[in-house]
Amino acid sequence: MCQHEPHCPAAEDPRGQWAEIAVSHPEQGWYLLCNGIVLFDDGGLMLPGHRVVAPAA
């Protein structure tokens, strides 16, 4: 998905949540990152393939 240079970390990369925001919906509490990750306001993630990662405690 990432079209800019330098490329953002892949969704599988441990740094994946630091990719650039492609679509922003702060009123709904989520952001789509350019690598396909959905980042939620609470820090939780939904990775491509619909795997969910709970927010860090």
Protein backbone atom coordinates (compact mmCIF):
# COMPACT_ATOMS: atom_id res chain seq x y z
CA MET A 1 0.00 0.00 0.00
CA CYS A 2 2.76 2.46 0.90
CA GLN A 3 3.53 4.64 -2.12
CA HIS A 4 5.91 7.21 -0.64
CA GLU A 5 9.68 7.23 -0.06
CA PRO A 6 11.10 6.03 2.19
CA HIS A 7 8.58 3.24 2.53
CA CYS A 8 6.83 2.79 5.87
CA PRO A 9 7.40 -0.38 7.89
CA ALA A 10 5.34 -3.36 6.74
CA ALA A 11 2.32 -4.40 8.79
CA GLU A 12 4.22 -7.46 10.05
CA ASP A 13 7.16 -5.32 11.22
CA PRO A 14 7.22 -4.60 14.98
CA ARG A 15 7.35 -0.89 14.03
CA GLY A 16 4.30 -1.22 11.74
CA GLN A 17 2.10 1.05 13.85
CA TRP A 18 4.43 3.96 13.03
CA ALA A 19 3.43 4.01 9.34
CA GLU A 20 1.87 7.19 7.95
CA ILE A 21 -1.87 7.74 8.28
CA ALA A 22 -3.70 7.23 4.98
CA VAL A 23 -7.29 7.72 6.25
CA SER A 24 -8.18 9.54 9.47
CA HIS A 25 -11.43 9.09 11.43
CA PRO A 26 -10.67 10.53 14.89
CA GLU A 27 -14.39 11.08 15.52
CA GLN A 28 -14.81 7.29 15.28
CA GLY A 29 -11.54 6.49 17.07
CA TRP A 30 -9.56 4.84 14.28
CA TYR A 31 -6.95 5.51 11.58
CA LEU A 32 -6.00 3.49 8.51
CA LEU A 33 -2.25 3.43 8.05
CA CYS A 34 -0.63 3.19 4.63
CA ASN A 35 0.54 -0.37 5.34
CA GLY A 36 -3.03 -1.61 5.91
CA ILE A 37 -3.07 -1.52 9.73
CA VAL A 38 -6.11 -0.03 11.45
CA LEU A 39 -4.90 1.84 14.55
CA PHE A 40 -7.45 2.50 17.29
CA ASP A 41 -7.34 5.38 19.81
CA ASP A 42 -6.71 2.97 22.68
CA GLY A 43 -3.54 1.69 20.95
CA GLY A 44 -5.07 -1.56 19.70
CA LEU A 45 -4.39 -2.66 16.14
CA MET A 46 -6.16 -4.67 13.46
CA LEU A 47 -3.63 -6.05 11.01
CA PRO A 48 -4.35 -6.94 7.40
CA GLY A 49 -5.94 -10.37 7.51
CA HIS A 50 -8.09 -9.22 10.46
CA ARG A 51 -5.71 -10.32 13.23
CA VAL A 52 -6.28 -8.12 16.29
CA VAL A 53 -3.49 -6.94 18.60
CA ALA A 54 -4.65 -5.71 22.01
CA PRO A 55 -3.31 -2.39 23.32
CA ALA A 56 -0.20 -2.57 25.47
CA ALA A 57 -0.99 -2.70 29.17
